[in-house]
Amino acid sequence: MTIQASYDQWSKAYDTDRNITRDLDHAVMQQLLGGRFESILELGCGTGKNTALLATLGDTVQALDFSHGMLKQARQKVQASHVRFDWADLTTVWPAPARAFDLMACNLVLEHIEDLNFVFAQAAHCIKPGGQFLVCELHPAKQYLGSQARFEHARGTTLIPVFLHHISDFTRAATQNGFTVERLNEWWHADDDPRKQPRLVSFMFRKALP
């Protein structure tokens, strides 16, 4: 099953399934973000789990996803005049204006995209100089042990195709496209053993000024 079809199928149950990775990601967003932003671009908004938070921080929010099922759930969840949802395949040119956003957020998405350099090149095109790019992803240490996005349904378990990215792959793609690394954090859920590998890794990148 393709990545897109998998998320279409998962969309109705995504918010109600027990998913501590999803819940930890949302907690990370709440901890790392504050203040006000003129314009926010969200990459891979899913069911709007983080869009509602971003809507409280941004004067305008554009949220992108390539799963029609996920977008349907997000539009029902977040109904605000300053929030816009658009279909987009993040592996092709994004339907977003150049140098328009002072914050971009990408959560639990890049494991499904092989070419990180393309993503960071598009981010550099769309974000304002001095703007921030928050990325939060499944920690590669979890992937080394075989963890990947999956969901249970009546017919069994669906494993969603993923690509392995090392932490150095993120930082290399960022620096090659004009970003600096301002902050890097590793995160454990309360149910995790803190003596073992982290569940998530987050990066706060900033686009260089001219």
C-alpha atoms as a PDB file:
ATOM      1  CA  MET A   1       0.000   0.000   0.000  1.00  0.00           C
ATOM      2  CA  THR A   2       1.321   3.473  -0.875  1.00  0.00           C
ATOM      3  CA  ILE A   3       2.061   6.089   1.769  1.00  0.00           C
ATOM      4  CA  GLN A   4      -0.843   8.203   0.573  1.00  0.00           C
ATOM      5  CA  ALA A   5      -3.317   5.322   0.570  1.00  0.00           C
ATOM      6  CA  SER A   6      -2.132   4.237   4.019  1.00  0.00           C
ATOM      7  CA  TYR A   7      -2.825   7.637   5.548  1.00  0.00           C
ATOM      8  CA  ASP A   8      -6.172   7.872   3.762  1.00  0.00           C
ATOM      9  CA  GLN A   9      -7.129   4.583   5.399  1.00  0.00           C
ATOM     10  CA  TRP A  10      -5.769   5.619   8.806  1.00  0.00           C
ATOM     11  CA  SER A  11      -7.351   9.086   8.806  1.00  0.00           C
ATOM     12  CA  LYS A  12     -10.661   8.226  10.497  1.00  0.00           C
ATOM     13  CA  ALA A  13      -8.994   6.434  13.405  1.00  0.00           C
ATOM     14  CA  TYR A  14      -5.779   8.458  13.650  1.00  0.00           C
ATOM     15  CA  ASP A  15      -6.929  10.748  16.454  1.00  0.00           C
ATOM     16  CA  THR A  16      -8.522   8.015  18.564  1.00  0.00           C
ATOM     17  CA  ASP A  17      -5.896   5.264  18.232  1.00  0.00           C
ATOM     18  CA  ARG A  18      -3.436   5.028  21.121  1.00  0.00           C
ATOM     19  CA  ASN A  19      -0.297   6.620  19.711  1.00  0.00           C
ATOM     20  CA  ILE A  20       2.271   7.915  22.181  1.00  0.00           C
ATOM     21  CA  THR A  21       4.579   9.098  19.389  1.00  0.00           C
ATOM     22  CA  ARG A  22       1.799  11.387  18.100  1.00  0.00           C
ATOM     23  CA  ASP A  23       1.049  12.591  21.630  1.00  0.00           C
ATOM     24  CA  LEU A  24       4.705  13.266  22.436  1.00  0.00           C
ATOM     25  CA  ASP A  25       5.111  15.197  19.190  1.00  0.00           C
ATOM     26  CA  HIS A  26       2.218  17.479  20.153  1.00  0.00           C
ATOM     27  CA  ALA A  27       3.728  18.035  23.599  1.00  0.00           C
ATOM     28  CA  VAL A  28       7.057  18.943  21.966  1.00  0.00           C
ATOM     29  CA  MET A  29       5.305  21.541  19.806  1.00  0.00           C
ATOM     30  CA  GLN A  30       3.663  23.080  22.857  1.00  0.00           C
ATOM     31  CA  GLN A  31       6.986  23.250  24.667  1.00  0.00           C
ATOM     32  CA  LEU A  32       9.071  24.674  21.812  1.00  0.00           C
ATOM     33  CA  LEU A  33       6.701  27.212  20.289  1.00  0.00           C
ATOM     34  CA  GLY A  34       5.451  30.482  21.709  1.00  0.00           C
ATOM     35  CA  GLY A  35       4.998  34.089  20.732  1.00  0.00           C
ATOM     36  CA  ARG A  36       3.319  35.399  17.587  1.00  0.00           C
ATOM     37  CA  PHE A  37       4.072  34.841  13.923  1.00  0.00           C
ATOM     38  CA  GLU A  38       2.722  36.711  10.924  1.00  0.00           C
ATOM     39  CA  SER A  39       2.553  33.642   8.707  1.00  0.00           C
ATOM     40  CA  ILE A  40       3.028  29.918   9.307  1.00  0.00           C
ATOM     41  CA  LEU A  41       3.396  27.058   6.833  1.00  0.00           C
ATOM     42  CA  GLU A  42       2.713  23.542   8.147  1.00  0.00           C
ATOM     43  CA  LEU A  43       4.060  20.603   6.167  1.00  0.00           C
ATOM     44  CA  GLY A  44       2.100  17.370   6.490  1.00  0.00           C
ATOM     45  CA  CYS A  45      -0.671  18.632   8.750  1.00  0.00           C
ATOM     46  CA  GLY A  46      -2.449  15.260   8.939  1.00  0.00           C
ATOM     47  CA  THR A  47      -5.697  15.507  10.873  1.00  0.00           C
ATOM     48  CA  GLY A  48      -4.772  18.953  12.185  1.00  0.00           C
ATOM     49  CA  LYS A  49      -3.299  17.643  15.445  1.00  0.00           C
ATOM     50  CA  ASN A  50      -0.858  20.542  15.532  1.00  0.00           C
ATOM     51  CA  THR A  51      -2.719  22.945  13.247  1.00  0.00           C
ATOM     52  CA  ALA A  52      -5.029  23.990  16.071  1.00  0.00           C
ATOM     53  CA  LEU A  53      -1.980  25.045  18.105  1.00  0.00           C
ATOM     54  CA  LEU A  54      -0.411  26.875  15.176  1.00  0.00           C
ATOM     55  CA  ALA A  55      -3.697  28.693  14.606  1.00  0.00           C
ATOM     56  CA  THR A  56      -3.314  30.301  18.044  1.00  0.00           C
ATOM     57  CA  LEU A  57       0.201  31.500  17.198  1.00  0.00           C
ATOM     58  CA  GLY A  58      -0.090  32.735  13.635  1.00  0.00           C
ATOM     59  CA  ASP A  59      -1.970  35.571  11.961  1.00  0.00           C
ATOM     60  CA  THR A  60      -2.268  33.263   8.948  1.00  0.00           C
ATOM     61  CA  VAL A  61      -1.633  29.523   8.658  1.00  0.00           C
ATOM     62  CA  GLN A  62      -1.319  27.462   5.473  1.00  0.00           C
ATOM     63  CA  ALA A  63      -1.398  23.712   6.123  1.00  0.00           C
ATOM     64  CA  LEU A  64      -0.380  21.158   3.487  1.00  0.00           C
ATOM     65  CA  ASP A  65      -0.968  17.410   3.231  1.00  0.00           C
ATOM     66  CA  PHE A  66      -1.253  14.857   0.422  1.00  0.00           C
ATOM     67  CA  SER A  67      -3.810  12.596   2.099  1.00  0.00           C
ATOM     68  CA  HIS A  68      -7.343  13.648   1.179  1.00  0.00           C
ATOM     69  CA  GLY A  69      -8.632  11.636   4.150  1.00  0.00           C
ATOM     70  CA  MET A  70      -6.371  13.460   6.580  1.00  0.00           C
ATOM     71  CA  LEU A  71      -7.269  16.843   5.096  1.00  0.00           C
ATOM     72  CA  LYS A  72     -10.974  16.077   5.488  1.00  0.00           C
ATOM     73  CA  GLN A  73     -10.479  15.422   9.197  1.00  0.00           C
ATOM     74  CA  ALA A  74      -8.321  18.532   9.603  1.00  0.00           C
ATOM     75  CA  ARG A  75     -10.852  20.815   7.931  1.00  0.00           C
ATOM     76  CA  GLN A  76     -13.555  19.552  10.276  1.00  0.00           C
ATOM     77  CA  LYS A  77     -11.340  19.990  13.335  1.00  0.00           C
ATOM     78  CA  VAL A  78      -9.914  23.440  12.598  1.00  0.00           C
ATOM     79  CA  GLN A  79     -12.453  25.863  11.193  1.00  0.00           C
ATOM     80  CA  ALA A  80     -10.929  29.325  11.278  1.00  0.00           C
ATOM     81  CA  SER A  81     -10.894  32.056   8.655  1.00  0.00           C
ATOM     82  CA  HIS A  82      -7.124  32.578   8.977  1.00  0.00           C
ATOM     83  CA  VAL A  83      -6.295  28.874   8.427  1.00  0.00           C
ATOM     84  CA  ARG A  84      -6.111  27.440   4.912  1.00  0.00           C
ATOM     85  CA  PHE A  85      -5.721  23.760   4.021  1.00  0.00           C
ATOM     86  CA  ASP A  86      -4.220  22.744   0.669  1.00  0.00           C
ATOM     87  CA  TRP A  87      -3.414  19.416  -0.950  1.00  0.00           C
ATOM     88  CA  ALA A  88       0.276  19.066  -1.749  1.00  0.00           C
ATOM     89  CA  ASP A  89       2.862  16.424  -2.541  1.00  0.00           C
ATOM     90  CA  LEU A  90       5.946  17.604  -0.678  1.00  0.00           C
ATOM     91  CA  THR A  91       8.222  15.737  -3.096  1.00  0.00           C
ATOM     92  CA  THR A  92       7.208  18.208  -5.836  1.00  0.00           C
ATOM     93  CA  VAL A  93       7.160  22.025  -5.922  1.00  0.00           C
ATOM     94  CA  TRP A  94       5.006  23.282  -3.060  1.00  0.00           C
ATOM     95  CA  PRO A  95       1.883  25.432  -3.679  1.00  0.00           C
ATOM     96  CA  ALA A  96       3.170  28.171  -1.395  1.00  0.00           C
ATOM     97  CA  PRO A  97       4.546  31.661  -2.121  1.00  0.00           C
ATOM     98  CA  ALA A  98       8.229  32.574  -1.956  1.00  0.00           C
ATOM     99  CA  ARG A  99       9.675  34.272   1.142  1.00  0.00           C
ATOM    100  CA  ALA A 100       6.236  34.413   2.730  1.00  0.00           C
ATOM    101  CA  PHE A 101       6.520  32.585   6.077  1.00  0.00           C
ATOM    102  CA  ASP A 102       8.313  33.408   9.295  1.00  0.00           C
ATOM    103  CA  LEU A 103       7.661  29.934  10.758  1.00  0.00           C
ATOM    104  CA  MET A 104       7.484  26.529   9.135  1.00  0.00           C
ATOM    105  CA  ALA A 105       6.654  23.329  11.001  1.00  0.00           C
ATOM    106  CA  CYS A 106       7.123  19.745   9.860  1.00  0.00           C
ATOM    107  CA  ASN A 107       6.171  16.887  12.191  1.00  0.00           C
ATOM    108  CA  LEU A 108       6.486  13.118  11.673  1.00  0.00           C
ATOM    109  CA  VAL A 109       6.622  13.581   7.908  1.00  0.00           C
ATOM    110  CA  LEU A 110      10.199  13.385   6.662  1.00  0.00           C
ATOM    111  CA  GLU A 111      10.592   9.676   7.394  1.00  0.00           C
ATOM    112  CA  HIS A 112       8.266   9.226   4.398  1.00  0.00           C
ATOM    113  CA  ILE A 113      10.356  11.401   2.049  1.00  0.00           C
ATOM    114  CA  GLU A 114      13.603  10.120   0.592  1.00  0.00           C
ATOM    115  CA  ASP A 115      15.167  13.377  -0.631  1.00  0.00           C
ATOM    116  CA  LEU A 116      15.709  15.693   2.339  1.00  0.00           C
ATOM    117  CA  ASN A 117      17.681  18.151   0.217  1.00  0.00           C
ATOM    118  CA  PHE A 118      14.604  18.876  -1.921  1.00  0.00           C
ATOM    119  CA  VAL A 119      12.518  19.563   1.167  1.00  0.00           C
ATOM    120  CA  PHE A 120      15.057  21.986   2.597  1.00  0.00           C
ATOM    121  CA  ALA A 121      15.488  23.683  -0.789  1.00  0.00           C
ATOM    122  CA  GLN A 122      11.729  24.257  -0.957  1.00  0.00           C
ATOM    123  CA  ALA A 123      11.723  25.447   2.648  1.00  0.00           C
ATOM    124  CA  ALA A 124      14.488  27.932   1.864  1.00  0.00           C
ATOM    125  CA  HIS A 125      12.429  29.202  -1.070  1.00  0.00           C
ATOM    126  CA  CYS A 126       9.252  29.703   0.964  1.00  0.00           C
ATOM    127  CA  ILE A 127      10.553  31.018   4.291  1.00  0.00           C
ATOM    128  CA  LYS A 128      11.523  34.608   4.978  1.00  0.00           C
ATOM    129  CA  PRO A 129      15.172  35.414   5.714  1.00  0.00           C
ATOM    130  CA  GLY A 130      15.590  35.034   9.457  1.00  0.00           C
ATOM    131  CA  GLY A 131      12.550  32.745   9.649  1.00  0.00           C
ATOM    132  CA  GLN A 132      12.436  29.554  11.698  1.00  0.00           C
ATOM    133  CA  PHE A 133      11.915  25.963  10.550  1.00  0.00           C
ATOM    134  CA  LEU A 134      10.870  23.478  13.258  1.00  0.00           C
ATOM    135  CA  VAL A 135      11.297  19.797  12.391  1.00  0.00           C
ATOM    136  CA  CYS A 136      10.246  16.992  14.748  1.00  0.00           C
ATOM    137  CA  GLU A 137      10.702  13.395  13.612  1.00  0.00           C
ATOM    138  CA  LEU A 138      10.972   9.827  14.822  1.00  0.00           C
ATOM    139  CA  HIS A 139      14.481   9.482  16.212  1.00  0.00           C
ATOM    140  CA  PRO A 140      16.746   7.480  13.885  1.00  0.00           C
ATOM    141  CA  ALA A 141      17.778   5.347  16.865  1.00  0.00           C
ATOM    142  CA  LYS A 142      14.197   4.028  16.910  1.00  0.00           C
ATOM    143  CA  GLN A 143      14.414   3.291  13.210  1.00  0.00           C
ATOM    144  CA  TYR A 144      17.680   1.417  13.686  1.00  0.00           C
ATOM    145  CA  LEU A 145      15.664  -1.004  15.836  1.00  0.00           C
ATOM    146  CA  GLY A 146      12.913  -1.385  13.253  1.00  0.00           C
ATOM    147  CA  SER A 147      10.327   1.155  14.440  1.00  0.00           C
ATOM    148  CA  GLN A 148       8.183   2.790  11.767  1.00  0.00           C
ATOM    149  CA  ALA A 149       4.748   4.301  11.319  1.00  0.00           C
ATOM    150  CA  ARG A 150       2.036   1.650  11.510  1.00  0.00           C
ATOM    151  CA  PHE A 151      -1.609   1.278  12.415  1.00  0.00           C
ATOM    152  CA  GLU A 152      -3.957  -1.517  13.373  1.00  0.00           C
ATOM    153  CA  HIS A 153      -7.245  -2.231  11.624  1.00  0.00           C
ATOM    154  CA  ALA A 154      -9.740  -5.048  11.193  1.00  0.00           C
ATOM    155  CA  ARG A 155      -7.561  -6.867   8.665  1.00  0.00           C
ATOM    156  CA  GLY A 156      -4.354  -6.605  10.669  1.00  0.00           C
ATOM    157  CA  THR A 157      -1.441  -4.152  10.720  1.00  0.00           C
ATOM    158  CA  THR A 158      -0.362  -1.777   7.968  1.00  0.00           C
ATOM    159  CA  LEU A 159       3.293  -0.711   7.916  1.00  0.00           C
ATOM    160  CA  ILE A 160       3.747   2.613   6.144  1.00  0.00           C
ATOM    161  CA  PRO A 161       6.848   2.854   3.893  1.00  0.00           C
ATOM    162  CA  VAL A 162       9.675   4.903   5.405  1.00  0.00           C
ATOM    163  CA  PHE A 163      13.210   6.072   4.673  1.00  0.00           C
ATOM    164  CA  LEU A 164      16.010   6.184   7.221  1.00  0.00           C
ATOM    165  CA  HIS A 165      17.592   9.607   7.855  1.00  0.00           C
ATOM    166  CA  HIS A 166      20.470  10.013  10.286  1.00  0.00           C
ATOM    167  CA  ILE A 167      20.688  13.162  12.392  1.00  0.00           C
ATOM    168  CA  SER A 168      23.627  14.285  10.248  1.00  0.00           C
ATOM    169  CA  ASP A 169      21.411  13.955   7.140  1.00  0.00           C
ATOM    170  CA  PHE A 170      19.028  16.569   8.559  1.00  0.00           C
ATOM    171  CA  THR A 171      21.769  18.994   9.556  1.00  0.00           C
ATOM    172  CA  ARG A 172      23.634  18.554   6.250  1.00  0.00           C
ATOM    173  CA  ALA A 173      20.521  19.223   4.142  1.00  0.00           C
ATOM    174  CA  ALA A 174      19.745  22.259   6.291  1.00  0.00           C
ATOM    175  CA  THR A 175      23.190  23.863   6.081  1.00  0.00           C
ATOM    176  CA  GLN A 176      23.440  23.184   2.345  1.00  0.00           C
ATOM    177  CA  ASN A 177      20.284  25.240   1.866  1.00  0.00           C
ATOM    178  CA  GLY A 178      21.133  28.244   3.988  1.00  0.00           C
ATOM    179  CA  PHE A 179      19.855  27.232   7.427  1.00  0.00           C
ATOM    180  CA  THR A 180      21.700  27.216  10.722  1.00  0.00           C
ATOM    181  CA  VAL A 181      20.923  24.809  13.562  1.00  0.00           C
ATOM    182  CA  GLU A 182      19.736  26.797  16.575  1.00  0.00           C
ATOM    183  CA  ARG A 183      18.492  23.963  18.729  1.00  0.00           C
ATOM    184  CA  LEU A 184      18.534  20.163  18.724  1.00  0.00           C
ATOM    185  CA  ASN A 185      16.638  18.110  21.314  1.00  0.00           C
ATOM    186  CA  GLU A 186      15.922  14.444  21.936  1.00  0.00           C
ATOM    187  CA  TRP A 187      12.649  13.401  23.552  1.00  0.00           C
ATOM    188  CA  TRP A 188      11.249  10.508  25.569  1.00  0.00           C
ATOM    189  CA  HIS A 189       7.586   9.857  26.319  1.00  0.00           C
ATOM    190  CA  ALA A 190       6.647   9.344  29.980  1.00  0.00           C
ATOM    191  CA  ASP A 191       6.054   5.657  29.172  1.00  0.00           C
ATOM    192  CA  ASP A 192       9.550   5.253  27.680  1.00  0.00           C
ATOM    193  CA  ASP A 193      12.596   3.953  29.536  1.00  0.00           C
ATOM    194  CA  PRO A 194      14.901   7.019  29.700  1.00  0.00           C
ATOM    195  CA  ARG A 195      17.916   4.701  29.739  1.00  0.00           C
ATOM    196  CA  LYS A 196      17.076   3.578  26.209  1.00  0.00           C
ATOM    197  CA  GLN A 197      16.923   5.327  22.835  1.00  0.00           C
ATOM    198  CA  PRO A 198      14.921   8.564  22.488  1.00  0.00           C
ATOM    199  CA  ARG A 199      11.582   8.440  20.713  1.00  0.00           C
ATOM    200  CA  LEU A 200      11.775  11.770  18.865  1.00  0.00           C
ATOM    201  CA  VAL A 201      14.366  14.277  17.706  1.00  0.00           C
ATOM    202  CA  SER A 202      13.577  17.934  17.076  1.00  0.00           C
ATOM    203  CA  PHE A 203      15.519  20.652  15.303  1.00  0.00           C
ATOM    204  CA  MET A 204      14.997  24.389  15.223  1.00  0.00           C
ATOM    205  CA  PHE A 205      16.620  25.780  12.094  1.00  0.00           C
ATOM    206  CA  ARG A 206      16.873  29.442  11.095  1.00  0.00           C
ATOM    207  CA  LYS A 207      17.233  30.749   7.566  1.00  0.00           C
ATOM    208  CA  ALA A 208      20.240  32.988   7.170  1.00  0.00           C
ATOM    209  CA  LEU A 209      19.751  36.709   6.637  1.00  0.00           C
ATOM    210  CA  PRO A 210      20.936  38.155   3.286  1.00  0.00           C
END
